[in-house]
Amino acid sequence: MKVGPVLVVEDSDEDFMALEWAMRKLGRTDRVLRCLDGDDALDALFGRGPYTEAVWPSLVLLDLNLPGTDGREVLAELKATPTLRRVPVVVLSTSSNPRDVAACYQSGVNSYMLKPVNFEKYTEQLGRLFEFWLGVAVLPEAPVEA
């Protein structure tokens, strides 16, 4: 089975670098595709704009507060699309607002993780997240082109 990249939708360079550092510390060698905003993420998922083919990620790590189309809108569009709704999406956010959490689960997010300020804690949580989603869970395969 072909394993797709981890699609990271993150506009903050600092947060993305922290994710990369944590992955290195965890010994993760997963392919990562970064999108800087929601529009870029939707282009990648639907194979439009600069993307000649749709990306089928193994996992989407989605920030909520993005410029332009924000994470909430990306999540809603992704989960409203029959083929893409199967892709697991984990929101990584600094927002602990219960309305954000509830809205994300209402839209179909697979899990919601608060970004800890402490790097060691962040790395530990990412390790658990990757172990489950990329090590334990059985993930859906990309749809076969007709």
N, C-alpha and C. Protein backbone atom coordinates (compact mmCIF):
# COMPACT_ATOMS: atom_id res chain seq x y z
N MET A 1 0.84 -1.18 0.00
CA MET A 1 0.00 0.00 0.00
C MET A 1 0.88 1.24 0.00
N LYS A 2 0.54 2.17 -0.87
CA LYS A 2 1.26 3.43 -0.94
C LYS A 2 0.83 4.33 0.22
N VAL A 3 1.80 4.83 0.95
CA VAL A 3 1.50 5.69 2.09
C VAL A 3 1.68 7.13 1.67
N GLY A 4 0.63 7.91 1.84
CA GLY A 4 0.68 9.31 1.47
C GLY A 4 1.43 10.13 2.50
N PRO A 5 1.70 11.37 2.15
CA PRO A 5 2.41 12.24 3.09
C PRO A 5 1.51 12.69 4.24
N VAL A 6 2.13 13.17 5.26
CA VAL A 6 1.39 13.88 6.31
C VAL A 6 1.23 15.30 5.79
N LEU A 7 -0.01 15.72 5.66
CA LEU A 7 -0.28 17.08 5.18
C LEU A 7 -0.39 17.99 6.40
N VAL A 8 0.54 18.91 6.49
CA VAL A 8 0.56 19.86 7.60
C VAL A 8 0.08 21.20 7.07
N VAL A 9 -1.02 21.68 7.61
CA VAL A 9 -1.57 22.97 7.20
C VAL A 9 -1.27 23.94 8.33
N GLU A 10 -0.21 24.70 8.14
CA GLU A 10 0.31 25.54 9.22
C GLU A 10 0.92 26.80 8.61
N ASP A 11 0.42 27.95 9.02
CA ASP A 11 0.96 29.20 8.50
C ASP A 11 2.15 29.72 9.29
N SER A 12 2.31 29.29 10.51
CA SER A 12 3.39 29.79 11.36
C SER A 12 4.68 29.00 11.10
N ASP A 13 5.72 29.73 10.67
CA ASP A 13 7.02 29.08 10.45
C ASP A 13 7.55 28.49 11.76
N GLU A 14 7.37 29.21 12.85
CA GLU A 14 7.86 28.72 14.15
C GLU A 14 7.17 27.43 14.55
N ASP A 15 5.86 27.38 14.39
CA ASP A 15 5.13 26.15 14.74
C ASP A 15 5.51 25.00 13.82
N PHE A 16 5.72 25.30 12.54
CA PHE A 16 6.13 24.24 11.62
C PHE A 16 7.53 23.73 11.97
N MET A 17 8.44 24.66 12.29
CA MET A 17 9.79 24.23 12.68
C MET A 17 9.74 23.40 13.95
N ALA A 18 8.88 23.77 14.90
CA ALA A 18 8.74 22.98 16.13
C ALA A 18 8.25 21.57 15.80
N LEU A 19 7.32 21.47 14.87
CA LEU A 19 6.83 20.16 14.43
C LEU A 19 7.96 19.35 13.81
N GLU A 20 8.75 19.98 12.94
CA GLU A 20 9.87 19.28 12.30
C GLU A 20 10.89 18.82 13.35
N TRP A 21 11.20 19.69 14.30
CA TRP A 21 12.16 19.33 15.35
C TRP A 21 11.63 18.15 16.16
N ALA A 22 10.36 18.23 16.50
CA ALA A 22 9.76 17.15 17.29
C ALA A 22 9.80 15.83 16.50
N MET A 23 9.50 15.90 15.22
CA MET A 23 9.52 14.68 14.40
C MET A 23 10.94 14.10 14.33
N ARG A 24 11.93 14.97 14.18
CA ARG A 24 13.32 14.48 14.17
C ARG A 24 13.67 13.83 15.51
N LYS A 25 13.28 14.48 16.60
CA LYS A 25 13.56 13.95 17.93
C LYS A 25 12.90 12.59 18.13
N LEU A 26 11.72 12.42 17.50
CA LEU A 26 10.99 11.16 17.60
C LEU A 26 11.49 10.12 16.60
N GLY A 27 12.40 10.53 15.73
CA GLY A 27 12.91 9.60 14.73
C GLY A 27 11.92 9.33 13.60
N ARG A 28 10.97 10.25 13.42
CA ARG A 28 9.96 10.10 12.37
C ARG A 28 10.55 10.49 11.03
N THR A 29 10.35 9.66 10.04
CA THR A 29 10.84 9.95 8.71
C THR A 29 9.70 10.06 7.71
N ASP A 30 8.51 10.32 8.20
CA ASP A 30 7.34 10.43 7.34
C ASP A 30 7.52 11.58 6.35
N ARG A 31 7.01 11.35 5.15
CA ARG A 31 6.99 12.45 4.18
C ARG A 31 6.00 13.49 4.68
N VAL A 32 6.38 14.75 4.57
CA VAL A 32 5.53 15.85 5.02
C VAL A 32 5.33 16.82 3.86
N LEU A 33 4.10 17.19 3.66
CA LEU A 33 3.76 18.24 2.71
C LEU A 33 3.15 19.38 3.51
N ARG A 34 3.75 20.54 3.40
CA ARG A 34 3.23 21.69 4.15
C ARG A 34 2.43 22.60 3.24
N CYS A 35 1.28 23.01 3.71
CA CYS A 35 0.49 24.05 3.06
C CYS A 35 0.42 25.22 4.03
N LEU A 36 0.61 26.41 3.49
CA LEU A 36 0.69 27.59 4.35
C LEU A 36 -0.67 28.18 4.71
N ASP A 37 -1.69 27.82 3.95
CA ASP A 37 -3.02 28.35 4.26
C ASP A 37 -4.10 27.37 3.79
N GLY A 38 -5.32 27.70 4.10
CA GLY A 38 -6.41 26.81 3.76
C GLY A 38 -6.64 26.65 2.27
N ASP A 39 -6.46 27.73 1.54
CA ASP A 39 -6.65 27.64 0.09
C ASP A 39 -5.63 26.70 -0.53
N ASP A 40 -4.39 26.80 -0.09
CA ASP A 40 -3.34 25.91 -0.59
C ASP A 40 -3.67 24.46 -0.23
N ALA A 41 -4.16 24.24 0.97
CA ALA A 41 -4.51 22.88 1.40
C ALA A 41 -5.63 22.31 0.53
N LEU A 42 -6.65 23.11 0.27
CA LEU A 42 -7.75 22.63 -0.57
C LEU A 42 -7.29 22.39 -2.00
N ASP A 43 -6.41 23.25 -2.51
CA ASP A 43 -5.84 23.02 -3.84
C ASP A 43 -5.10 21.68 -3.88
N ALA A 44 -4.32 21.40 -2.84
CA ALA A 44 -3.56 20.14 -2.80
C ALA A 44 -4.51 18.94 -2.73
N LEU A 45 -5.53 19.04 -1.91
CA LEU A 45 -6.46 17.91 -1.73
C LEU A 45 -7.33 17.66 -2.96
N PHE A 46 -7.65 18.72 -3.68
CA PHE A 46 -8.50 18.58 -4.87
C PHE A 46 -7.70 18.56 -6.18
N GLY A 47 -6.38 18.70 -6.11
CA GLY A 47 -5.56 18.66 -7.31
C GLY A 47 -5.84 19.83 -8.25
N ARG A 48 -5.92 20.98 -7.72
CA ARG A 48 -6.16 22.18 -8.54
C ARG A 48 -5.10 23.23 -8.23
N GLY A 49 -5.17 24.34 -8.95
CA GLY A 49 -4.16 25.38 -8.76
C GLY A 49 -2.80 24.85 -9.17
N PRO A 50 -1.79 25.01 -8.34
CA PRO A 50 -0.45 24.56 -8.71
C PRO A 50 -0.26 23.04 -8.63
N TYR A 51 -1.25 22.33 -8.14
CA TYR A 51 -1.14 20.88 -7.97
C TYR A 51 -1.76 20.18 -9.18
N THR A 52 -0.96 19.40 -9.87
CA THR A 52 -1.46 18.71 -11.07
C THR A 52 -2.22 17.44 -10.70
N GLU A 53 -1.97 16.92 -9.50
CA GLU A 53 -2.69 15.74 -9.02
C GLU A 53 -3.15 16.00 -7.59
N ALA A 54 -4.27 15.40 -7.24
CA ALA A 54 -4.75 15.52 -5.87
C ALA A 54 -3.83 14.73 -4.93
N VAL A 55 -3.57 15.28 -3.79
CA VAL A 55 -2.76 14.62 -2.77
C VAL A 55 -3.69 13.78 -1.91
N TRP A 56 -3.30 12.53 -1.65
CA TRP A 56 -4.06 11.69 -0.72
C TRP A 56 -3.18 11.51 0.51
N PRO A 57 -3.36 12.36 1.52
CA PRO A 57 -2.48 12.28 2.69
C PRO A 57 -2.86 11.12 3.60
N SER A 58 -1.89 10.62 4.31
CA SER A 58 -2.19 9.59 5.31
C SER A 58 -2.84 10.24 6.53
N LEU A 59 -2.53 11.49 6.76
CA LEU A 59 -3.04 12.22 7.92
C LEU A 59 -2.94 13.71 7.62
N VAL A 60 -3.93 14.46 8.08
CA VAL A 60 -3.88 15.92 7.97
C VAL A 60 -3.74 16.50 9.37
N LEU A 61 -2.71 17.31 9.56
CA LEU A 61 -2.55 18.08 10.80
C LEU A 61 -2.93 19.51 10.46
N LEU A 62 -4.01 19.98 11.04
CA LEU A 62 -4.65 21.22 10.61
C LEU A 62 -4.67 22.26 11.71
N ASP A 63 -4.07 23.40 11.42
CA ASP A 63 -4.18 24.56 12.31
C ASP A 63 -5.55 25.19 12.05
N LEU A 64 -6.13 25.79 13.06
CA LEU A 64 -7.45 26.40 12.88
C LEU A 64 -7.37 27.82 12.33
N ASN A 65 -6.49 28.60 12.89
CA ASN A 65 -6.45 30.01 12.54
C ASN A 65 -5.43 30.24 11.43
N LEU A 66 -5.95 30.26 10.22
CA LEU A 66 -5.12 30.42 9.02
C LEU A 66 -5.56 31.66 8.27
N PRO A 67 -4.67 32.24 7.50
CA PRO A 67 -5.09 33.38 6.66
C PRO A 67 -5.98 32.89 5.53
N GLY A 68 -6.91 33.73 5.11
CA GLY A 68 -7.83 33.35 4.03
C GLY A 68 -8.80 32.30 4.54
N THR A 69 -8.92 31.22 3.79
CA THR A 69 -9.78 30.11 4.20
C THR A 69 -9.17 29.48 5.45
N ASP A 70 -9.90 29.55 6.56
CA ASP A 70 -9.29 29.07 7.81
C ASP A 70 -9.50 27.56 7.99
N GLY A 71 -8.92 27.05 9.05
CA GLY A 71 -8.96 25.61 9.29
C GLY A 71 -10.36 25.06 9.44
N ARG A 72 -11.25 25.84 9.99
CA ARG A 72 -12.64 25.39 10.17
C ARG A 72 -13.29 25.15 8.81
N GLU A 73 -13.02 26.08 7.88
CA GLU A 73 -13.59 25.96 6.54
C GLU A 73 -12.95 24.79 5.77
N VAL A 74 -11.65 24.61 5.94
CA VAL A 74 -10.97 23.48 5.30
C VAL A 74 -11.57 22.17 5.81
N LEU A 75 -11.71 22.07 7.11
CA LEU A 75 -12.28 20.87 7.72
C LEU A 75 -13.69 20.61 7.19
N ALA A 76 -14.52 21.64 7.15
CA ALA A 76 -15.90 21.47 6.69
C ALA A 76 -15.93 21.01 5.23
N GLU A 77 -15.10 21.60 4.38
CA GLU A 77 -15.11 21.21 2.97
C GLU A 77 -14.56 19.80 2.79
N LEU A 78 -13.51 19.50 3.51
CA LEU A 78 -12.92 18.16 3.40
C LEU A 78 -13.91 17.09 3.84
N LYS A 79 -14.57 17.31 4.95
CA LYS A 79 -15.50 16.30 5.47
C LYS A 79 -16.83 16.27 4.73
N ALA A 80 -17.11 17.30 3.92
CA ALA A 80 -18.33 17.30 3.11
C ALA A 80 -18.11 16.64 1.75
N THR A 81 -16.88 16.27 1.45
CA THR A 81 -16.55 15.64 0.17
C THR A 81 -16.46 14.13 0.37
N PRO A 82 -17.33 13.36 -0.30
CA PRO A 82 -17.40 11.92 -0.02
C PRO A 82 -16.06 11.19 -0.03
N THR A 83 -15.21 11.43 -1.01
CA THR A 83 -13.95 10.68 -1.04
C THR A 83 -13.00 11.16 0.05
N LEU A 84 -12.96 12.44 0.30
CA LEU A 84 -11.98 12.99 1.24
C LEU A 84 -12.39 12.87 2.70
N ARG A 85 -13.67 12.65 2.96
CA ARG A 85 -14.09 12.60 4.37
C ARG A 85 -13.42 11.46 5.13
N ARG A 86 -12.88 10.48 4.38
CA ARG A 86 -12.23 9.33 5.03
C ARG A 86 -10.83 9.66 5.54
N VAL A 87 -10.24 10.74 5.06
CA VAL A 87 -8.88 11.11 5.47
C VAL A 87 -8.92 11.58 6.93
N PRO A 88 -8.11 10.99 7.79
CA PRO A 88 -8.11 11.45 9.18
C PRO A 88 -7.53 12.85 9.32
N VAL A 89 -8.21 13.65 10.09
CA VAL A 89 -7.80 15.03 10.33
C VAL A 89 -7.66 15.26 11.83
N VAL A 90 -6.51 15.76 12.21
CA VAL A 90 -6.26 16.13 13.60
C VAL A 90 -6.03 17.63 13.64
N VAL A 91 -6.82 18.33 14.42
CA VAL A 91 -6.62 19.77 14.60
C VAL A 91 -5.54 19.95 15.66
N LEU A 92 -4.55 20.76 15.31
CA LEU A 92 -3.51 21.18 16.27
C LEU A 92 -3.73 22.67 16.48
N SER A 93 -4.11 23.04 17.68
CA SER A 93 -4.48 24.43 17.90
C SER A 93 -4.05 24.91 19.29
N THR A 94 -3.92 26.21 19.40
CA THR A 94 -3.70 26.81 20.72
C THR A 94 -5.03 27.17 21.37
N SER A 95 -6.11 27.05 20.61
CA SER A 95 -7.44 27.41 21.13
C SER A 95 -8.04 26.28 21.96
N SER A 96 -8.30 26.58 23.21
CA SER A 96 -9.01 25.62 24.06
C SER A 96 -10.48 26.04 24.22
N ASN A 97 -10.89 26.96 23.38
CA ASN A 97 -12.28 27.44 23.41
C ASN A 97 -13.22 26.26 23.16
N PRO A 98 -14.11 25.97 24.10
CA PRO A 98 -15.02 24.83 23.91
C PRO A 98 -15.85 24.93 22.64
N ARG A 99 -16.14 26.15 22.18
CA ARG A 99 -16.90 26.30 20.93
C ARG A 99 -16.09 25.82 19.72
N ASP A 100 -14.77 26.12 19.73
CA ASP A 100 -13.92 25.62 18.65
C ASP A 100 -13.86 24.10 18.66
N VAL A 101 -13.67 23.55 19.85
CA VAL A 101 -13.58 22.08 19.98
C VAL A 101 -14.88 21.45 19.50
N ALA A 102 -16.01 21.95 19.99
CA ALA A 102 -17.31 21.39 19.61
C ALA A 102 -17.56 21.54 18.11
N ALA A 103 -17.24 22.71 17.57
CA ALA A 103 -17.47 22.94 16.13
C ALA A 103 -16.63 22.00 15.28
N CYS A 104 -15.41 21.74 15.70
CA CYS A 104 -14.55 20.83 14.92
C CYS A 104 -15.10 19.41 14.96
N TYR A 105 -15.52 18.95 16.13
CA TYR A 105 -16.10 17.61 16.19
C TYR A 105 -17.41 17.55 15.42
N GLN A 106 -18.19 18.62 15.47
CA GLN A 106 -19.43 18.67 14.70
C GLN A 106 -19.15 18.56 13.20
N SER A 107 -18.00 19.11 12.78
CA SER A 107 -17.63 19.07 11.36
C SER A 107 -16.95 17.77 10.96
N GLY A 108 -16.67 16.91 11.96
CA GLY A 108 -16.12 15.61 11.62
C GLY A 108 -14.65 15.40 11.88
N VAL A 109 -14.02 16.31 12.64
CA VAL A 109 -12.60 16.11 12.95
C VAL A 109 -12.40 14.78 13.68
N ASN A 110 -11.27 14.15 13.45
CA ASN A 110 -11.00 12.86 14.09
C ASN A 110 -10.42 13.01 15.47
N SER A 111 -9.67 14.07 15.70
CA SER A 111 -9.23 14.41 17.06
C SER A 111 -8.75 15.86 17.09
N TYR A 112 -8.69 16.37 18.30
CA TYR A 112 -8.36 17.78 18.52
C TYR A 112 -7.27 17.82 19.58
N MET A 113 -6.14 18.38 19.23
CA MET A 113 -5.01 18.42 20.18
C MET A 113 -4.58 19.86 20.42
N LEU A 114 -4.47 20.20 21.69
CA LEU A 114 -3.94 21.51 22.04
C LEU A 114 -2.42 21.48 21.89
N LYS A 115 -1.88 22.56 21.31
CA LYS A 115 -0.43 22.67 21.20
C LYS A 115 0.12 23.10 22.55
N PRO A 116 0.85 22.22 23.21
CA PRO A 116 1.45 22.64 24.48
C PRO A 116 2.56 23.67 24.24
N VAL A 117 2.76 24.53 25.20
CA VAL A 117 3.82 25.53 25.10
C VAL A 117 5.17 24.86 25.35
N ASN A 118 5.18 23.86 26.19
CA ASN A 118 6.39 23.14 26.55
C ASN A 118 6.79 22.19 25.42
N PHE A 119 8.02 22.34 24.89
CA PHE A 119 8.45 21.55 23.75
C PHE A 119 8.50 20.06 24.07
N GLU A 120 8.96 19.71 25.26
CA GLU A 120 9.02 18.29 25.62
C GLU A 120 7.62 17.67 25.63
N LYS A 121 6.66 18.39 26.19
CA LYS A 121 5.28 17.92 26.23
C LYS A 121 4.71 17.81 24.81
N TYR A 122 5.01 18.82 23.98
CA TYR A 122 4.56 18.82 22.59
C TYR A 122 5.10 17.60 21.86
N THR A 123 6.39 17.33 22.03
CA THR A 123 7.02 16.18 21.38
C THR A 123 6.39 14.88 21.86
N GLU A 124 6.16 14.79 23.15
CA GLU A 124 5.54 13.58 23.71
C GLU A 124 4.14 13.37 23.11
N GLN A 125 3.35 14.43 23.03
CA GLN A 125 2.00 14.31 22.48
C GLN A 125 2.02 13.97 20.99
N LEU A 126 2.94 14.60 20.26
CA LEU A 126 3.05 14.27 18.84
C LEU A 126 3.46 12.81 18.65
N GLY A 127 4.34 12.34 19.53
CA GLY A 127 4.73 10.93 19.44
C GLY A 127 3.54 10.01 19.59
N ARG A 128 2.70 10.30 20.54
CA ARG A 128 1.49 9.49 20.73
C ARG A 128 0.56 9.60 19.53
N LEU A 129 0.41 10.83 19.04
CA LEU A 129 -0.46 11.06 17.89
C LEU A 129 0.03 10.26 16.68
N PHE A 130 1.33 10.35 16.36
CA PHE A 130 1.87 9.63 15.21
C PHE A 130 1.81 8.12 15.43
N GLU A 131 2.10 7.69 16.63
CA GLU A 131 2.07 6.26 16.91
C GLU A 131 0.67 5.70 16.65
N PHE A 132 -0.35 6.44 17.10
CA PHE A 132 -1.70 5.95 16.87
C PHE A 132 -2.08 6.02 15.39
N TRP A 133 -2.02 7.22 14.81
CA TRP A 133 -2.54 7.40 13.45
C TRP A 133 -1.68 6.73 12.39
N LEU A 134 -0.38 6.68 12.58
CA LEU A 134 0.49 6.11 11.55
C LEU A 134 1.06 4.76 11.94
N GLY A 135 0.75 4.30 13.16
CA GLY A 135 1.31 3.03 13.59
C GLY A 135 0.27 2.01 14.00
N VAL A 136 -0.85 2.46 14.54
CA VAL A 136 -1.87 1.55 15.05
C VAL A 136 -3.10 1.54 14.14
N ALA A 137 -3.59 2.70 13.81
CA ALA A 137 -4.83 2.80 13.02
C ALA A 137 -4.64 2.23 11.62
N VAL A 138 -5.67 1.61 11.12
CA VAL A 138 -5.71 1.17 9.72
C VAL A 138 -6.32 2.33 8.94
N LEU A 139 -5.56 2.86 8.01
CA LEU A 139 -5.99 4.05 7.28
C LEU A 139 -6.61 3.69 5.94
N PRO A 140 -7.52 4.53 5.47
CA PRO A 140 -8.14 4.26 4.17
C PRO A 140 -7.15 4.47 3.03
N GLU A 141 -7.29 3.66 2.01
CA GLU A 141 -6.45 3.83 0.83
C GLU A 141 -7.06 4.89 -0.07
N ALA A 142 -6.23 5.44 -0.92
CA ALA A 142 -6.69 6.44 -1.88
C ALA A 142 -7.69 5.78 -2.82
N PRO A 143 -8.70 6.54 -3.24
CA PRO A 143 -9.66 5.98 -4.20
C PRO A 143 -8.95 5.63 -5.51
N VAL A 144 -9.44 4.58 -6.13
CA VAL A 144 -8.87 4.16 -7.41
C VAL A 144 -9.51 5.00 -8.51
N GLU A 145 -8.66 5.52 -9.38
CA GLU A 145 -9.16 6.33 -10.50
C GLU A 145 -9.94 5.44 -11.45
N ALA A 146 -11.08 5.91 -11.90
CA ALA A 146 -11.89 5.12 -12.86
C ALA A 146 -11.39 5.30 -14.27
